[in-house]
Amino acid sequence: MTYSLLFLPEIEEDSINGYFWYEEKGKGLGEDFLRIFYACSEKIRRNP
């Protein structure tokens, strides 16, 4: 069975804000944050 995972607008906004916060701390950290965020989201989608 295939599941869909949808984010509320607040979650999308928080993830974007998280990206910028981490980028202020160090170049590339925002990218790492989003990569991990979406990797974990994929795990949730596969096994809710």
N, C-alpha and C. Protein backbone atom coordinates (compact mmCIF):
# COMPACT_ATOMS: atom_id res chain seq x y z
N MET A 1 0.83 -1.17 0.00
CA MET A 1 0.00 0.00 0.00
C MET A 1 0.89 1.24 0.00
N THR A 2 0.51 2.23 -0.79
CA THR A 2 1.26 3.48 -0.88
C THR A 2 0.52 4.56 -0.11
N TYR A 3 1.25 5.26 0.72
CA TYR A 3 0.68 6.35 1.50
C TYR A 3 1.21 7.68 0.99
N SER A 4 0.44 8.72 1.24
CA SER A 4 0.89 10.08 0.95
C SER A 4 1.11 10.80 2.26
N LEU A 5 2.09 11.65 2.28
CA LEU A 5 2.37 12.47 3.45
C LEU A 5 2.28 13.92 3.02
N LEU A 6 1.33 14.62 3.59
CA LEU A 6 1.14 16.03 3.27
C LEU A 6 1.46 16.86 4.50
N PHE A 7 2.08 17.99 4.28
CA PHE A 7 2.42 18.88 5.37
C PHE A 7 1.48 20.07 5.40
N LEU A 8 1.09 20.46 6.60
CA LEU A 8 0.33 21.68 6.77
C LEU A 8 1.22 22.86 6.39
N PRO A 9 0.63 23.97 5.98
CA PRO A 9 1.44 25.14 5.62
C PRO A 9 2.38 25.58 6.76
N GLU A 10 1.94 25.40 8.00
CA GLU A 10 2.79 25.78 9.13
C GLU A 10 4.07 24.94 9.19
N ILE A 11 3.96 23.67 8.84
CA ILE A 11 5.14 22.80 8.84
C ILE A 11 6.09 23.20 7.72
N GLU A 12 5.55 23.50 6.56
CA GLU A 12 6.40 23.93 5.45
C GLU A 12 7.11 25.23 5.81
N GLU A 13 6.39 26.16 6.44
CA GLU A 13 6.99 27.42 6.85
C GLU A 13 8.09 27.19 7.90
N ASP A 14 7.82 26.31 8.85
CA ASP A 14 8.82 26.00 9.87
C ASP A 14 10.07 25.38 9.27
N SER A 15 9.90 24.51 8.29
CA SER A 15 11.07 23.87 7.69
C SER A 15 11.90 24.89 6.90
N ILE A 16 11.24 25.82 6.24
CA ILE A 16 11.97 26.88 5.52
C ILE A 16 12.70 27.78 6.51
N ASN A 17 12.02 28.14 7.60
CA ASN A 17 12.67 28.95 8.63
C ASN A 17 13.85 28.20 9.25
N GLY A 18 13.69 26.90 9.44
CA GLY A 18 14.78 26.08 9.95
C GLY A 18 15.97 26.09 9.01
N TYR A 19 15.69 26.02 7.73
CA TYR A 19 16.75 26.08 6.73
C TYR A 19 17.56 27.36 6.89
N PHE A 20 16.86 28.50 6.93
CA PHE A 20 17.56 29.78 7.04
C PHE A 20 18.30 29.90 8.37
N TRP A 21 17.73 29.41 9.45
CA TRP A 21 18.38 29.47 10.75
C TRP A 21 19.70 28.70 10.72
N TYR A 22 19.65 27.48 10.17
CA TYR A 22 20.88 26.68 10.09
C TYR A 22 21.89 27.29 9.14
N GLU A 23 21.46 27.89 8.05
CA GLU A 23 22.39 28.53 7.12
C GLU A 23 23.10 29.70 7.78
N GLU A 24 22.42 30.40 8.69
CA GLU A 24 23.08 31.48 9.43
C GLU A 24 24.19 30.94 10.33
N LYS A 25 24.02 29.73 10.82
CA LYS A 25 25.01 29.13 11.72
C LYS A 25 26.23 28.63 10.95
N GLY A 26 26.01 28.22 9.71
CA GLY A 26 27.12 27.73 8.91
C GLY A 26 26.65 27.37 7.51
N LYS A 27 27.44 27.74 6.52
CA LYS A 27 27.07 27.46 5.13
C LYS A 27 26.95 25.96 4.93
N GLY A 28 25.83 25.56 4.36
CA GLY A 28 25.58 24.15 4.08
C GLY A 28 24.77 23.44 5.15
N LEU A 29 24.67 24.03 6.34
CA LEU A 29 23.90 23.37 7.40
C LEU A 29 22.40 23.35 7.08
N GLY A 30 21.92 24.39 6.40
CA GLY A 30 20.51 24.42 6.01
C GLY A 30 20.19 23.29 5.04
N GLU A 31 21.11 23.06 4.11
CA GLU A 31 20.92 21.96 3.15
C GLU A 31 20.90 20.62 3.87
N ASP A 32 21.80 20.46 4.84
CA ASP A 32 21.82 19.22 5.63
C ASP A 32 20.51 19.05 6.39
N PHE A 33 20.02 20.14 6.96
CA PHE A 33 18.77 20.10 7.70
C PHE A 33 17.63 19.61 6.81
N LEU A 34 17.48 20.21 5.63
CA LEU A 34 16.39 19.81 4.73
C LEU A 34 16.56 18.38 4.23
N ARG A 35 17.80 17.98 3.96
CA ARG A 35 18.04 16.61 3.51
C ARG A 35 17.58 15.61 4.57
N ILE A 36 17.94 15.86 5.81
CA ILE A 36 17.54 14.97 6.90
C ILE A 36 16.04 15.04 7.15
N PHE A 37 15.49 16.24 7.10
CA PHE A 37 14.05 16.42 7.30
C PHE A 37 13.25 15.59 6.29
N TYR A 38 13.62 15.69 5.01
CA TYR A 38 12.88 14.96 3.99
C TYR A 38 13.18 13.46 4.02
N ALA A 39 14.37 13.08 4.42
CA ALA A 39 14.67 11.65 4.57
C ALA A 39 13.80 11.05 5.67
N CYS A 40 13.67 11.75 6.77
CA CYS A 40 12.81 11.25 7.87
C CYS A 40 11.35 11.26 7.45
N SER A 41 10.95 12.25 6.69
CA SER A 41 9.57 12.30 6.19
C SER A 41 9.28 11.10 5.31
N GLU A 42 10.26 10.70 4.51
CA GLU A 42 10.08 9.53 3.64
C GLU A 42 9.90 8.27 4.47
N LYS A 43 10.64 8.16 5.56
CA LYS A 43 10.48 6.99 6.45
C LYS A 43 9.08 6.95 7.03
N ILE A 44 8.57 8.10 7.43
CA ILE A 44 7.21 8.17 7.97
C ILE A 44 6.20 7.79 6.89
N ARG A 45 6.41 8.27 5.67
CA ARG A 45 5.48 7.94 4.57
C ARG A 45 5.45 6.44 4.31
N ARG A 46 6.62 5.80 4.36
CA ARG A 46 6.67 4.36 4.09
C ARG A 46 6.09 3.52 5.22
N ASN A 47 6.19 4.02 6.45
CA ASN A 47 5.74 3.23 7.59
C ASN A 47 5.05 4.14 8.61
N PRO A 48 3.80 4.53 8.30
CA PRO A 48 3.11 5.45 9.22
C PRO A 48 2.72 4.73 10.48
